Amino acid sequence: MVRRGRQRKFDNTIVSPCVSLCRFTGDEPICVGCGRLQDEVRDWPIMTAEQKLAVLDLVAQRKKDLPKL
């Protein structure tokens, strides 16, 4: 049986902020490498461009407060 339905379109126009330094710290786990929350890292591939841009804005704010390695 072939399933035909709406195919999900993934947005690849916004580059992930991942720097391959994945370590989560804090009460609300934030990646020390990229500044994203665990849920944001997990959901990045399925986010729309607008959602990704919103996350990048949040990341800029969080990175100011992250400990330096």
PDB file of N, CA and C in Angstrom:
ATOM      1  N   MET A   1       0.834  -1.178   0.000  1.00  0.00           N
ATOM      2  CA  MET A   1       0.000   0.000   0.000  1.00  0.00           C
ATOM      3  C   MET A   1       0.887   1.253   0.000  1.00  0.00           C
ATOM      4  N   VAL A   2       0.680   2.115  -0.941  1.00  0.00           N
ATOM      5  CA  VAL A   2       1.424   3.363  -1.032  1.00  0.00           C
ATOM      6  C   VAL A   2       0.631   4.451  -0.347  1.00  0.00           C
ATOM      7  N   ARG A   3       1.269   5.117   0.538  1.00  0.00           N
ATOM      8  CA  ARG A   3       0.599   6.176   1.289  1.00  0.00           C
ATOM      9  C   ARG A   3       0.834   7.502   0.587  1.00  0.00           C
ATOM     10  N   ARG A   4      -0.232   8.150   0.226  1.00  0.00           N
ATOM     11  CA  ARG A   4      -0.114   9.445  -0.449  1.00  0.00           C
ATOM     12  C   ARG A   4      -0.799  10.506   0.391  1.00  0.00           C
ATOM     13  N   GLY A   5      -0.025  11.420   0.804  1.00  0.00           N
ATOM     14  CA  GLY A   5      -0.549  12.519   1.611  1.00  0.00           C
ATOM     15  C   GLY A   5       0.323  13.726   1.380  1.00  0.00           C
ATOM     16  N   ARG A   6       0.097  14.701   2.179  1.00  0.00           N
ATOM     17  CA  ARG A   6       0.919  15.907   2.063  1.00  0.00           C
ATOM     18  C   ARG A   6       2.342  15.595   2.487  1.00  0.00           C
ATOM     19  N   GLN A   7       3.262  15.950   1.661  1.00  0.00           N
ATOM     20  CA  GLN A   7       4.647  15.780   2.033  1.00  0.00           C
ATOM     21  C   GLN A   7       5.100  17.004   2.816  1.00  0.00           C
ATOM     22  N   ARG A   8       5.779  16.744   3.878  1.00  0.00           N
ATOM     23  CA  ARG A   8       6.276  17.834   4.709  1.00  0.00           C
ATOM     24  C   ARG A   8       7.463  18.477   4.011  1.00  0.00           C
ATOM     25  N   LYS A   9       7.461  19.782   3.961  1.00  0.00           N
ATOM     26  CA  LYS A   9       8.574  20.511   3.361  1.00  0.00           C
ATOM     27  C   LYS A   9       9.454  21.035   4.481  1.00  0.00           C
ATOM     28  N   PHE A  10      10.697  20.689   4.414  1.00  0.00           N
ATOM     29  CA  PHE A  10      11.647  21.141   5.416  1.00  0.00           C
ATOM     30  C   PHE A  10      12.375  22.374   4.907  1.00  0.00           C
ATOM     31  N   ASP A  11      12.537  23.342   5.792  1.00  0.00           N
ATOM     32  CA  ASP A  11      13.238  24.568   5.433  1.00  0.00           C
ATOM     33  C   ASP A  11      14.733  24.383   5.653  1.00  0.00           C
ATOM     34  N   ASN A  12      15.512  24.606   4.617  1.00  0.00           N
ATOM     35  CA  ASN A  12      16.962  24.504   4.716  1.00  0.00           C
ATOM     36  C   ASN A  12      17.645  25.838   4.435  1.00  0.00           C
ATOM     37  N   THR A  13      16.881  26.922   4.485  1.00  0.00           N
ATOM     38  CA  THR A  13      17.439  28.226   4.159  1.00  0.00           C
ATOM     39  C   THR A  13      18.192  28.857   5.321  1.00  0.00           C
ATOM     40  N   ILE A  14      17.894  28.444   6.540  1.00  0.00           N
ATOM     41  CA  ILE A  14      18.542  28.994   7.724  1.00  0.00           C
ATOM     42  C   ILE A  14      19.533  27.948   8.249  1.00  0.00           C
ATOM     43  N   VAL A  15      20.790  28.310   8.320  1.00  0.00           N
ATOM     44  CA  VAL A  15      21.831  27.389   8.767  1.00  0.00           C
ATOM     45  C   VAL A  15      21.745  27.195  10.278  1.00  0.00           C
ATOM     46  N   SER A  16      21.913  25.959  10.698  1.00  0.00           N
ATOM     47  CA  SER A  16      21.905  25.643  12.121  1.00  0.00           C
ATOM     48  C   SER A  16      23.079  26.332  12.821  1.00  0.00           C
ATOM     49  N   PRO A  17      22.849  26.825  14.037  1.00  0.00           N
ATOM     50  CA  PRO A  17      23.929  27.450  14.795  1.00  0.00           C
ATOM     51  C   PRO A  17      24.840  26.429  15.484  1.00  0.00           C
ATOM     52  N   CYS A  18      24.618  25.153  15.251  1.00  0.00           N
ATOM     53  CA  CYS A  18      25.403  24.098  15.898  1.00  0.00           C
ATOM     54  C   CYS A  18      26.884  24.249  15.573  1.00  0.00           C
ATOM     55  N   VAL A  19      27.716  24.133  16.612  1.00  0.00           N
ATOM     56  CA  VAL A  19      29.167  24.191  16.437  1.00  0.00           C
ATOM     57  C   VAL A  19      29.816  22.883  16.904  1.00  0.00           C
ATOM     58  N   SER A  20      29.010  21.838  17.007  1.00  0.00           N
ATOM     59  CA  SER A  20      29.465  20.497  17.413  1.00  0.00           C
ATOM     60  C   SER A  20      30.159  20.497  18.770  1.00  0.00           C
ATOM     61  N   LEU A  21      29.661  21.304  19.665  1.00  0.00           N
ATOM     62  CA  LEU A  21      30.142  21.351  21.046  1.00  0.00           C
ATOM     63  C   LEU A  21      28.905  21.224  21.930  1.00  0.00           C
ATOM     64  N   CYS A  22      28.297  20.053  21.885  1.00  0.00           N
ATOM     65  CA  CYS A  22      27.010  19.834  22.542  1.00  0.00           C
ATOM     66  C   CYS A  22      27.199  19.450  24.005  1.00  0.00           C
ATOM     67  N   ARG A  23      26.880  20.386  24.876  1.00  0.00           N
ATOM     68  CA  ARG A  23      26.889  20.148  26.312  1.00  0.00           C
ATOM     69  C   ARG A  23      25.833  21.057  26.910  1.00  0.00           C
ATOM     70  N   PHE A  24      24.909  20.460  27.623  1.00  0.00           N
ATOM     71  CA  PHE A  24      23.803  21.224  28.184  1.00  0.00           C
ATOM     72  C   PHE A  24      24.064  21.528  29.651  1.00  0.00           C
ATOM     73  N   THR A  25      23.743  22.760  30.031  1.00  0.00           N
ATOM     74  CA  THR A  25      23.998  23.209  31.387  1.00  0.00           C
ATOM     75  C   THR A  25      22.845  24.068  31.882  1.00  0.00           C
ATOM     76  N   GLY A  26      22.702  24.158  33.184  1.00  0.00           N
ATOM     77  CA  GLY A  26      21.696  25.040  33.784  1.00  0.00           C
ATOM     78  C   GLY A  26      20.398  24.347  34.116  1.00  0.00           C
ATOM     79  N   ASP A  27      19.538  25.085  34.825  1.00  0.00           N
ATOM     80  CA  ASP A  27      18.232  24.552  35.215  1.00  0.00           C
ATOM     81  C   ASP A  27      17.361  24.306  33.997  1.00  0.00           C
ATOM     82  N   GLU A  28      17.422  25.234  33.052  1.00  0.00           N
ATOM     83  CA  GLU A  28      16.734  25.071  31.775  1.00  0.00           C
ATOM     84  C   GLU A  28      17.852  24.734  30.793  1.00  0.00           C
ATOM     85  N   PRO A  29      18.030  23.433  30.484  1.00  0.00           N
ATOM     86  CA  PRO A  29      19.219  23.003  29.752  1.00  0.00           C
ATOM     87  C   PRO A  29      19.464  23.767  28.445  1.00  0.00           C
ATOM     88  N   ILE A  30      20.557  24.530  28.428  1.00  0.00           N
ATOM     89  CA  ILE A  30      20.965  25.308  27.260  1.00  0.00           C
ATOM     90  C   ILE A  30      22.305  24.765  26.783  1.00  0.00           C
ATOM     91  N   CYS A  31      22.418  24.539  25.494  1.00  0.00           N
ATOM     92  CA  CYS A  31      23.659  24.043  24.918  1.00  0.00           C
ATOM     93  C   CYS A  31      24.739  25.110  25.031  1.00  0.00           C
ATOM     94  N   VAL A  32      25.873  24.727  25.582  1.00  0.00           N
ATOM     95  CA  VAL A  32      26.982  25.657  25.758  1.00  0.00           C
ATOM     96  C   VAL A  32      27.557  26.058  24.399  1.00  0.00           C
ATOM     97  N   GLY A  33      27.464  25.156  23.415  1.00  0.00           N
ATOM     98  CA  GLY A  33      28.017  25.437  22.096  1.00  0.00           C
ATOM     99  C   GLY A  33      27.200  26.403  21.272  1.00  0.00           C
ATOM    100  N   CYS A  34      25.885  26.148  21.163  1.00  0.00           N
ATOM    101  CA  CYS A  34      25.067  26.956  20.249  1.00  0.00           C
ATOM    102  C   CYS A  34      24.054  27.855  20.940  1.00  0.00           C
ATOM    103  N   GLY A  35      23.802  27.637  22.228  1.00  0.00           N
ATOM    104  CA  GLY A  35      22.878  28.497  22.954  1.00  0.00           C
ATOM    105  C   GLY A  35      21.409  28.141  22.807  1.00  0.00           C
ATOM    106  N   ARG A  36      21.132  26.981  22.215  1.00  0.00           N
ATOM    107  CA  ARG A  36      19.728  26.574  22.061  1.00  0.00           C
ATOM    108  C   ARG A  36      19.305  25.648  23.192  1.00  0.00           C
ATOM    109  N   LEU A  37      18.008  25.677  23.490  1.00  0.00           N
ATOM    110  CA  LEU A  37      17.428  24.733  24.437  1.00  0.00           C
ATOM    111  C   LEU A  37      17.375  23.356  23.790  1.00  0.00           C
ATOM    112  N   GLN A  38      17.269  22.311  24.602  1.00  0.00           N
ATOM    113  CA  GLN A  38      17.201  20.943  24.069  1.00  0.00           C
ATOM    114  C   GLN A  38      16.068  20.792  23.064  1.00  0.00           C
ATOM    115  N   ASP A  39      14.903  21.330  23.373  1.00  0.00           N
ATOM    116  CA  ASP A  39      13.755  21.223  22.458  1.00  0.00           C
ATOM    117  C   ASP A  39      14.034  21.926  21.131  1.00  0.00           C
ATOM    118  N   GLU A  40      14.737  23.046  21.186  1.00  0.00           N
ATOM    119  CA  GLU A  40      15.055  23.781  19.962  1.00  0.00           C
ATOM    120  C   GLU A  40      16.049  23.011  19.094  1.00  0.00           C
ATOM    121  N   VAL A  41      16.993  22.344  19.727  1.00  0.00           N
ATOM    122  CA  VAL A  41      17.941  21.511  18.983  1.00  0.00           C
ATOM    123  C   VAL A  41      17.189  20.365  18.311  1.00  0.00           C
ATOM    124  N   ARG A  42      16.337  19.714  19.073  1.00  0.00           N
ATOM    125  CA  ARG A  42      15.570  18.576  18.558  1.00  0.00           C
ATOM    126  C   ARG A  42      14.647  18.988  17.421  1.00  0.00           C
ATOM    127  N   ASP A  43      13.981  20.117  17.575  1.00  0.00           N
ATOM    128  CA  ASP A  43      12.954  20.522  16.603  1.00  0.00           C
ATOM    129  C   ASP A  43      13.501  21.312  15.418  1.00  0.00           C
ATOM    130  N   TRP A  44      14.769  21.694  15.443  1.00  0.00           N
ATOM    131  CA  TRP A  44      15.336  22.546  14.390  1.00  0.00           C
ATOM    132  C   TRP A  44      15.009  22.048  12.979  1.00  0.00           C
ATOM    133  N   PRO A  45      15.201  20.769  12.674  1.00  0.00           N
ATOM    134  CA  PRO A  45      14.950  20.318  11.294  1.00  0.00           C
ATOM    135  C   PRO A  45      13.510  20.516  10.813  1.00  0.00           C
ATOM    136  N   ILE A  46      12.560  20.541  11.735  1.00  0.00           N
ATOM    137  CA  ILE A  46      11.150  20.649  11.318  1.00  0.00           C
ATOM    138  C   ILE A  46      10.577  22.053  11.513  1.00  0.00           C
ATOM    139  N   MET A  47      11.405  22.993  11.992  1.00  0.00           N
ATOM    140  CA  MET A  47      10.938  24.370  12.173  1.00  0.00           C
ATOM    141  C   MET A  47      10.851  25.089  10.828  1.00  0.00           C
ATOM    142  N   THR A  48       9.963  26.059  10.779  1.00  0.00           N
ATOM    143  CA  THR A  48       9.876  26.929   9.610  1.00  0.00           C
ATOM    144  C   THR A  48      11.017  27.950   9.681  1.00  0.00           C
ATOM    145  N   ALA A  49      11.254  28.653   8.590  1.00  0.00           N
ATOM    146  CA  ALA A  49      12.295  29.683   8.576  1.00  0.00           C
ATOM    147  C   ALA A  49      12.007  30.746   9.636  1.00  0.00           C
ATOM    148  N   GLU A  50      10.766  31.115   9.787  1.00  0.00           N
ATOM    149  CA  GLU A  50      10.391  32.142  10.771  1.00  0.00           C
ATOM    150  C   GLU A  50      10.683  31.663  12.186  1.00  0.00           C
ATOM    151  N   GLN A  51      10.385  30.398  12.466  1.00  0.00           N
ATOM    152  CA  GLN A  51      10.649  29.854  13.791  1.00  0.00           C
ATOM    153  C   GLN A  51      12.156  29.816  14.061  1.00  0.00           C
ATOM    154  N   LYS A  52      12.929  29.429  13.050  1.00  0.00           N
ATOM    155  CA  LYS A  52      14.381  29.372  13.217  1.00  0.00           C
ATOM    156  C   LYS A  52      14.963  30.760  13.474  1.00  0.00           C
ATOM    157  N   LEU A  53      14.465  31.751  12.773  1.00  0.00           N
ATOM    158  CA  LEU A  53      14.948  33.121  12.995  1.00  0.00           C
ATOM    159  C   LEU A  53      14.606  33.596  14.403  1.00  0.00           C
ATOM    160  N   ALA A  54      13.439  33.225  14.893  1.00  0.00           N
ATOM    161  CA  ALA A  54      13.049  33.585  16.249  1.00  0.00           C
ATOM    162  C   ALA A  54      13.979  32.916  17.264  1.00  0.00           C
ATOM    163  N   VAL A  55      14.324  31.659  17.030  1.00  0.00           N
ATOM    164  CA  VAL A  55      15.249  30.949  17.915  1.00  0.00           C
ATOM    165  C   VAL A  55      16.622  31.620  17.883  1.00  0.00           C
ATOM    166  N   LEU A  56      17.080  32.011  16.702  1.00  0.00           N
ATOM    167  CA  LEU A  56      18.376  32.676  16.605  1.00  0.00           C
ATOM    168  C   LEU A  56      18.393  33.987  17.384  1.00  0.00           C
ATOM    169  N   ASP A  57      17.281  34.698  17.405  1.00  0.00           N
ATOM    170  CA  ASP A  57      17.182  35.920  18.212  1.00  0.00           C
ATOM    171  C   ASP A  57      17.314  35.587  19.696  1.00  0.00           C
ATOM    172  N   LEU A  58      16.643  34.510  20.123  1.00  0.00           N
ATOM    173  CA  LEU A  58      16.728  34.080  21.521  1.00  0.00           C
ATOM    174  C   LEU A  58      18.149  33.634  21.860  1.00  0.00           C
ATOM    175  N   VAL A  59      18.786  32.940  20.931  1.00  0.00           N
ATOM    176  CA  VAL A  59      20.154  32.467  21.134  1.00  0.00           C
ATOM    177  C   VAL A  59      21.094  33.648  21.379  1.00  0.00           C
ATOM    178  N   ALA A  60      20.944  34.702  20.613  1.00  0.00           N
ATOM    179  CA  ALA A  60      21.795  35.887  20.780  1.00  0.00           C
ATOM    180  C   ALA A  60      21.674  36.436  22.200  1.00  0.00           C
ATOM    181  N   GLN A  61      20.462  36.435  22.727  1.00  0.00           N
ATOM    182  CA  GLN A  61      20.258  36.918  24.092  1.00  0.00           C
ATOM    183  C   GLN A  61      20.873  35.964  25.112  1.00  0.00           C
ATOM    184  N   ARG A  62      20.663  34.656  24.903  1.00  0.00           N
ATOM    185  CA  ARG A  62      21.165  33.673  25.868  1.00  0.00           C
ATOM    186  C   ARG A  62      22.681  33.625  25.896  1.00  0.00           C
ATOM    187  N   LYS A  63      23.313  33.751  24.748  1.00  0.00           N
ATOM    188  CA  LYS A  63      24.770  33.620  24.681  1.00  0.00           C
ATOM    189  C   LYS A  63      25.470  34.669  25.542  1.00  0.00           C
ATOM    190  N   LYS A  64      24.823  35.780  25.766  1.00  0.00           N
ATOM    191  CA  LYS A  64      25.406  36.801  26.634  1.00  0.00           C
ATOM    192  C   LYS A  64      25.563  36.282  28.055  1.00  0.00           C
ATOM    193  N   ASP A  65      24.684  35.332  28.446  1.00  0.00           N
ATOM    194  CA  ASP A  65      24.678  34.831  29.808  1.00  0.00           C
ATOM    195  C   ASP A  65      25.361  33.476  29.990  1.00  0.00           C
ATOM    196  N   LEU A  66      25.787  32.839  28.881  1.00  0.00           N
ATOM    197  CA  LEU A  66      26.406  31.532  28.986  1.00  0.00           C
ATOM    198  C   LEU A  66      27.824  31.643  29.530  1.00  0.00           C
ATOM    199  N   PRO A  67      28.234  30.644  30.320  1.00  0.00           N
ATOM    200  CA  PRO A  67      29.624  30.659  30.805  1.00  0.00           C
ATOM    201  C   PRO A  67      30.581  30.414  29.638  1.00  0.00           C
ATOM    202  N   LYS A  68      31.713  31.062  29.673  1.00  0.00           N
ATOM    203  CA  LYS A  68      32.745  30.868  28.646  1.00  0.00           C
ATOM    204  C   LYS A  68      33.544  29.625  29.011  1.00  0.00           C
ATOM    205  N   LEU A  69      33.883  28.864  27.970  1.00  0.00           N
ATOM    206  CA  LEU A  69      34.673  27.651  28.202  1.00  0.00           C
ATOM    207  C   LEU A  69      36.157  27.951  28.240  1.00  0.00           C
TER     208      LEU A  69
END
